[in-house]
Amino acid sequence: MSNSKRGAAVLDAPEERYEAPREIRRAPSMAALRPKRDFTEDFADDEDTAEFLRSTGRARRSRKSILPQTRWGWIGVGTGFAVVLAGLGVAYMATARFLSHDPRFLIESSSAIEVAGNQHIQRSDLVSVFGEDLDRNIFHVPLAERRKELEGIPWVEHAKVERFLPNRLRVEVTERTPVAYVRQDRKIGMVDASGVLLDIPADVAGDPNYSFPVVTGISANDPLSTREPRMKIYQRFIQDLDSGGQKISHELSEVDMSDPEDVKALVQEGSSEILVHFGGERLSEALPDDA
């Protein structure tokens, strides 16, 4: 082969091409994909440190709002809220229906009514207030109304009525304390310090705790606004008599309160009684101006 042919062959041979090595790129790690915390908030009081973090690119914020960002997002939130409210309403109605109609909450008899605090008042007198509540759902008993009816009984000063599930009521009363006997028409009754007239219970006969004088000048026809201030004068009168510790009031058989300015009393002296006028200069101080 000639030199010319060799040169042509050399010239006709394809040139070998060399490519520069490609840069190998690595996939970002999971740590790099995480939103970076803005550390400038931690150093808000240190301006130099916060400026350094910003200059080095470490102060990046990545916050996401918890509120919906689109119209459909708000529609979804509203729908979910409505569903929750509807569920609560259904649960409330189901619970109310259960409590109102379940037979376990019925007051079957008077034995389901517990009474406490009564010493002179008969249990039957207290339980009779709840006559229309027998066979009634315990949640339908008007407690405030029943308490008011109980306090309408003369001997009851205060009353409290409570529910005890599933079907019991508890009644607790505070009885009035009588301080004197009083003539009521043709019979003798009692009266407390507030001027409330009381019948004499059968169990007080011969009880030394009820050794009182008889008060006159107080009538059932008088309004309570008249009886109450007169009984306050009576109380003051008894306290003054016994202030020396001799219990002189035990010697009184009758106290006349018809004239608050002149309290009169019958004092037992042997086998006879003496009418004594005590006046009312000091005692009338307990009487209100409008009495």
Protein backbone atom coordinates (compact mmCIF):
# COMPACT_ATOMS: atom_id res chain seq x y z
CA MET A 1 0.00 0.00 0.00
CA SER A 2 1.34 3.31 -0.97
CA ASN A 3 1.93 6.18 1.32
CA SER A 4 -0.91 8.11 -0.28
CA LYS A 5 -3.35 5.40 0.44
CA ARG A 6 -2.12 5.10 3.99
CA GLY A 7 -2.68 8.78 4.52
CA ALA A 8 -6.16 8.53 3.10
CA ALA A 9 -6.93 5.65 5.36
CA VAL A 10 -5.73 7.53 8.30
CA LEU A 11 -7.76 10.51 7.33
CA ASP A 12 -10.87 8.44 6.73
CA ALA A 13 -10.76 6.80 10.16
CA PRO A 14 -13.34 8.24 12.61
CA GLU A 15 -12.03 10.46 15.26
CA GLU A 16 -12.37 9.30 18.78
CA ARG A 17 -14.47 11.69 20.80
CA TYR A 18 -13.86 12.29 24.45
CA GLU A 19 -16.58 13.65 26.70
CA ALA A 20 -15.90 15.47 29.88
CA PRO A 21 -16.94 13.45 32.94
CA ARG A 22 -20.43 14.38 34.09
CA GLU A 23 -21.01 15.80 37.53
CA ILE A 24 -22.68 13.22 39.73
CA ARG A 25 -25.66 14.78 41.50
CA ARG A 26 -26.92 13.18 44.62
CA ALA A 27 -30.58 13.11 45.56
CA PRO A 28 -31.35 15.45 48.43
CA SER A 29 -31.57 13.72 51.78
CA MET A 30 -34.80 13.64 53.84
CA ALA A 31 -33.26 16.06 56.32
CA ALA A 32 -32.77 18.58 53.53
CA LEU A 33 -36.42 18.29 52.53
CA ARG A 34 -37.70 19.06 56.03
CA PRO A 35 -38.83 22.65 56.60
CA LYS A 36 -36.13 24.49 58.40
CA ARG A 37 -36.83 26.32 61.56
CA ASP A 38 -36.37 30.04 61.82
CA PHE A 39 -33.81 30.26 64.57
CA THR A 40 -33.99 34.02 64.60
CA GLU A 41 -37.10 33.75 66.77
CA ASP A 42 -35.04 32.01 69.44
CA PHE A 43 -32.56 34.88 69.40
CA ALA A 44 -35.01 37.73 68.97
CA ASP A 45 -33.41 39.59 71.84
CA ASP A 46 -29.86 39.14 70.41
CA GLU A 47 -29.68 41.29 67.24
CA ASP A 48 -26.10 40.23 66.34
CA THR A 49 -26.91 36.53 66.46
CA ALA A 50 -30.14 37.01 64.52
CA GLU A 51 -28.29 39.01 61.81
CA PHE A 52 -25.63 36.28 61.56
CA LEU A 53 -28.26 33.59 61.05
CA ARG A 54 -29.94 35.63 58.33
CA SER A 55 -26.64 36.33 56.52
CA THR A 56 -25.65 32.66 56.49
CA GLY A 57 -29.03 31.56 55.14
CA ARG A 58 -30.01 29.72 58.29
CA ALA A 59 -32.91 31.99 59.05
CA ARG A 60 -35.61 30.39 56.98
CA ARG A 61 -39.26 30.27 57.71
CA SER A 62 -41.56 27.47 56.93
CA ARG A 63 -44.99 27.88 58.54
CA LYS A 64 -48.26 26.41 57.49
CA SER A 65 -51.62 27.92 58.45
CA ILE A 66 -54.14 25.64 60.11
CA LEU A 67 -56.98 27.52 58.41
CA PRO A 68 -58.28 26.40 55.03
CA GLN A 69 -56.76 28.29 52.11
CA THR A 70 -59.43 27.56 49.51
CA ARG A 71 -63.16 27.90 49.16
CA TRP A 72 -63.66 24.14 49.09
CA GLY A 73 -61.60 23.88 52.25
CA TRP A 74 -63.98 26.25 54.05
CA ILE A 75 -66.95 24.31 52.71
CA GLY A 76 -65.47 21.11 54.10
CA VAL A 77 -64.91 22.68 57.52
CA GLY A 78 -68.46 24.04 57.62
CA THR A 79 -69.90 20.68 56.62
CA GLY A 80 -67.91 18.88 59.31
CA PHE A 81 -69.02 21.40 61.94
CA ALA A 82 -72.67 20.96 60.94
CA VAL A 83 -72.34 17.18 61.16
CA VAL A 84 -70.88 17.43 64.66
CA LEU A 85 -73.71 19.73 65.84
CA ALA A 86 -76.32 17.44 64.35
CA GLY A 87 -74.77 14.48 66.16
CA LEU A 88 -74.78 16.31 69.47
CA GLY A 89 -78.42 17.29 68.97
CA VAL A 90 -79.45 13.73 68.26
CA ALA A 91 -77.53 12.49 71.31
CA TYR A 92 -79.20 15.14 73.53
CA MET A 93 -82.69 14.24 72.31
CA ALA A 94 -82.05 10.53 72.78
CA THR A 95 -80.77 11.11 76.34
CA ALA A 96 -83.70 13.38 77.24
CA ARG A 97 -86.19 10.84 75.90
CA PHE A 98 -84.52 8.06 77.86
CA LEU A 99 -84.59 10.02 81.13
CA SER A 100 -88.21 11.11 80.63
CA HIS A 101 -89.73 7.77 79.67
CA ASP A 102 -87.65 5.04 81.24
CA PRO A 103 -89.74 3.31 83.97
CA ARG A 104 -86.75 3.12 86.27
CA PHE A 105 -87.17 6.86 87.00
CA LEU A 106 -90.80 6.61 88.16
CA ILE A 107 -91.70 7.33 91.80
CA GLU A 108 -93.71 4.21 92.46
CA SER A 109 -95.00 4.89 95.99
CA SER A 110 -94.65 7.12 99.05
CA SER A 111 -91.97 4.77 100.36
CA ALA A 112 -89.64 6.33 97.78
CA ILE A 113 -89.90 9.67 99.65
CA GLU A 114 -87.45 9.99 102.53
CA VAL A 115 -88.30 12.46 105.31
CA ALA A 116 -85.86 13.91 107.85
CA GLY A 117 -85.89 16.62 110.51
CA ASN A 118 -89.51 16.19 111.60
CA GLN A 119 -90.06 15.83 115.32
CA HIS A 120 -93.64 16.99 115.82
CA ILE A 121 -94.92 16.95 112.23
CA GLN A 122 -96.34 13.64 111.09
CA ARG A 123 -94.64 12.04 108.11
CA SER A 124 -98.01 11.62 106.45
CA ASP A 125 -98.57 15.40 106.56
CA LEU A 126 -95.31 15.98 104.70
CA VAL A 127 -95.68 13.17 102.17
CA SER A 128 -99.23 14.29 101.32
CA VAL A 129 -97.68 17.30 99.55
CA PHE A 130 -96.29 14.86 96.95
CA GLY A 131 -99.59 13.06 96.32
CA GLU A 132 -99.78 13.97 92.63
CA ASP A 133 -96.14 13.03 92.07
CA LEU A 134 -96.65 9.31 92.65
CA ASP A 135 -96.15 7.35 89.41
CA ARG A 136 -94.53 10.47 87.95
CA ASN A 137 -91.05 10.69 86.45
CA ILE A 138 -88.63 12.02 89.04
CA PHE A 139 -87.36 14.69 86.63
CA HIS A 140 -90.89 16.08 86.27
CA VAL A 141 -91.34 16.82 89.99
CA PRO A 142 -91.27 20.63 90.53
CA LEU A 143 -88.92 20.80 93.51
CA ALA A 144 -89.22 24.56 94.11
CA GLU A 145 -93.02 24.36 94.10
CA ARG A 146 -93.04 21.42 96.50
CA ARG A 147 -90.64 23.22 98.85
CA LYS A 148 -92.95 26.23 98.93
CA GLU A 149 -95.94 23.99 99.73
CA LEU A 150 -94.03 22.33 102.57
CA GLU A 151 -93.16 25.71 104.07
CA GLY A 152 -96.85 26.53 103.98
CA ILE A 153 -97.36 23.98 106.77
CA PRO A 154 -97.33 26.08 110.00
CA TRP A 155 -94.83 23.91 111.86
CA VAL A 156 -92.33 23.94 108.95
CA GLU A 157 -89.94 26.89 109.10
CA HIS A 158 -87.62 25.75 106.27
CA ALA A 159 -87.72 22.84 103.84
CA LYS A 160 -85.39 21.30 101.29
CA VAL A 161 -86.33 18.80 98.57
CA GLU A 162 -83.71 16.83 96.62
CA ARG A 163 -83.72 14.19 93.87
CA PHE A 164 -81.80 10.96 94.31
CA LEU A 165 -81.54 8.81 91.21
CA PRO A 166 -83.04 6.73 89.98
CA ASN A 167 -86.42 7.27 91.70
CA ARG A 168 -86.14 8.67 95.23
CA LEU A 169 -86.90 12.04 96.82
CA ARG A 170 -85.46 13.35 100.08
CA VAL A 171 -87.32 15.91 102.18
CA GLU A 172 -85.55 17.69 105.03
CA VAL A 173 -87.47 20.12 107.23
CA THR A 174 -86.62 22.51 110.04
CA GLU A 175 -89.46 22.85 112.53
CA ARG A 176 -90.45 26.06 114.24
CA THR A 177 -89.64 26.56 117.91
CA PRO A 178 -92.61 27.66 120.05
CA VAL A 179 -91.92 30.20 122.80
CA ALA A 180 -95.34 30.59 124.41
CA TYR A 181 -98.87 29.30 124.55
CA VAL A 182 -101.59 31.47 123.09
CA ARG A 183 -105.37 31.44 123.27
CA GLN A 184 -106.88 30.81 119.85
CA ASP A 185 -110.63 31.33 120.17
CA ARG A 186 -111.73 28.63 122.59
CA LYS A 187 -108.58 26.53 122.48
CA ILE A 188 -104.96 26.89 123.46
CA GLY A 189 -102.28 26.80 120.82
CA MET A 190 -98.65 27.82 120.52
CA VAL A 191 -96.78 30.70 118.93
CA ASP A 192 -93.15 31.06 117.86
CA ALA A 193 -90.89 34.10 118.05
CA SER A 194 -92.05 35.27 114.60
CA GLY A 195 -95.72 35.31 115.62
CA VAL A 196 -96.67 32.17 113.67
CA LEU A 197 -99.53 30.33 115.38
CA LEU A 198 -99.09 26.60 115.87
CA ASP A 199 -101.27 23.71 116.95
CA ILE A 200 -100.15 21.79 120.03
CA PRO A 201 -98.72 18.41 119.00
CA ALA A 202 -99.90 15.39 120.90
CA ASP A 203 -96.38 14.46 122.00
CA VAL A 204 -95.64 17.66 123.99
CA ALA A 205 -98.02 17.00 126.86
CA GLY A 206 -96.05 17.05 130.12
CA ASP A 207 -92.79 17.93 128.34
CA PRO A 208 -90.84 20.37 130.61
CA ASN A 209 -89.27 21.97 127.54
CA TYR A 210 -92.68 23.43 126.73
CA SER A 211 -93.36 25.06 130.09
CA PHE A 212 -94.40 28.51 128.82
CA PRO A 213 -96.73 31.22 130.02
CA VAL A 214 -99.90 31.93 128.08
CA VAL A 215 -99.74 35.06 125.91
CA THR A 216 -102.88 37.12 125.41
CA GLY A 217 -103.37 40.08 123.15
CA ILE A 218 -102.40 38.03 120.08
CA SER A 219 -105.13 36.67 117.85
CA ALA A 220 -105.33 34.65 114.70
CA ASN A 221 -107.33 37.54 113.26
CA ASP A 222 -104.30 39.81 113.59
CA PRO A 223 -101.98 39.93 110.57
CA LEU A 224 -98.50 38.52 110.94
CA SER A 225 -97.13 42.06 110.69
CA THR A 226 -98.84 42.77 114.02
CA ARG A 227 -98.11 39.51 115.81
CA GLU A 228 -94.40 39.43 114.99
CA PRO A 229 -93.37 42.75 116.64
CA ARG A 230 -95.45 41.95 119.72
CA MET A 231 -93.65 38.63 120.06
CA LYS A 232 -90.33 40.46 119.83
CA ILE A 233 -91.41 42.57 122.80
CA TYR A 234 -92.42 39.39 124.62
CA GLN A 235 -88.99 37.88 123.98
CA ARG A 236 -87.30 41.01 125.29
CA PHE A 237 -89.56 40.96 128.34
CA ILE A 238 -88.64 37.36 129.19
CA GLN A 239 -84.92 38.03 128.70
CA ASP A 240 -85.05 41.02 131.07
CA LEU A 241 -86.84 39.00 133.75
CA ASP A 242 -84.30 36.18 133.59
CA SER A 243 -81.20 38.37 133.17
CA GLY A 244 -80.37 37.92 136.87
CA GLY A 245 -80.24 34.15 136.47
CA GLN A 246 -83.27 33.47 138.73
CA LYS A 247 -85.61 32.28 135.93
CA ILE A 248 -88.45 34.51 137.10
CA SER A 249 -90.29 33.84 133.85
CA HIS A 250 -91.06 30.35 135.12
CA GLU A 251 -93.32 31.94 137.72
CA LEU A 252 -95.48 33.67 135.10
CA SER A 253 -98.78 32.10 134.21
CA GLU A 254 -99.99 34.70 131.71
CA VAL A 255 -98.57 37.71 129.82
CA ASP A 256 -100.88 40.30 128.32
CA MET A 257 -99.44 41.82 125.12
CA SER A 258 -102.55 43.71 124.04
CA ASP A 259 -100.82 47.02 124.92
CA PRO A 260 -97.13 46.96 123.98
CA GLU A 261 -96.61 50.15 126.01
CA ASP A 262 -97.83 48.41 129.19
CA VAL A 263 -96.92 44.73 129.42
CA LYS A 264 -98.95 43.05 132.16
CA ALA A 265 -98.31 39.62 133.65
CA LEU A 266 -99.91 37.31 136.18
CA VAL A 267 -97.29 36.13 138.64
CA GLN A 268 -97.93 33.03 140.71
CA GLU A 269 -97.65 33.86 144.41
CA GLY A 270 -98.42 30.83 146.50
CA SER A 271 -101.94 29.76 145.74
CA SER A 272 -102.91 33.10 144.21
CA GLU A 273 -101.90 35.18 141.25
CA ILE A 274 -100.84 38.82 141.24
CA LEU A 275 -101.29 41.11 138.23
CA VAL A 276 -98.11 43.12 137.72
CA HIS A 277 -97.70 46.04 135.31
CA PHE A 278 -94.17 46.12 133.90
CA GLY A 279 -94.66 49.14 131.66
CA GLY A 280 -93.10 49.39 128.25
CA GLU A 281 -90.54 52.19 128.28
CA ARG A 282 -87.65 49.85 127.54
CA LEU A 283 -89.54 46.99 125.98
CA SER A 284 -91.24 49.18 123.39
CA GLU A 285 -87.81 49.82 121.84
CA ALA A 286 -88.14 46.42 120.20
CA LEU A 287 -91.38 47.50 118.53
CA PRO A 288 -90.98 48.98 115.01
CA ASP A 289 -92.28 52.49 114.44
CA ASP A 290 -94.95 51.31 111.98
CA ALA A 291 -96.31 48.58 114.26
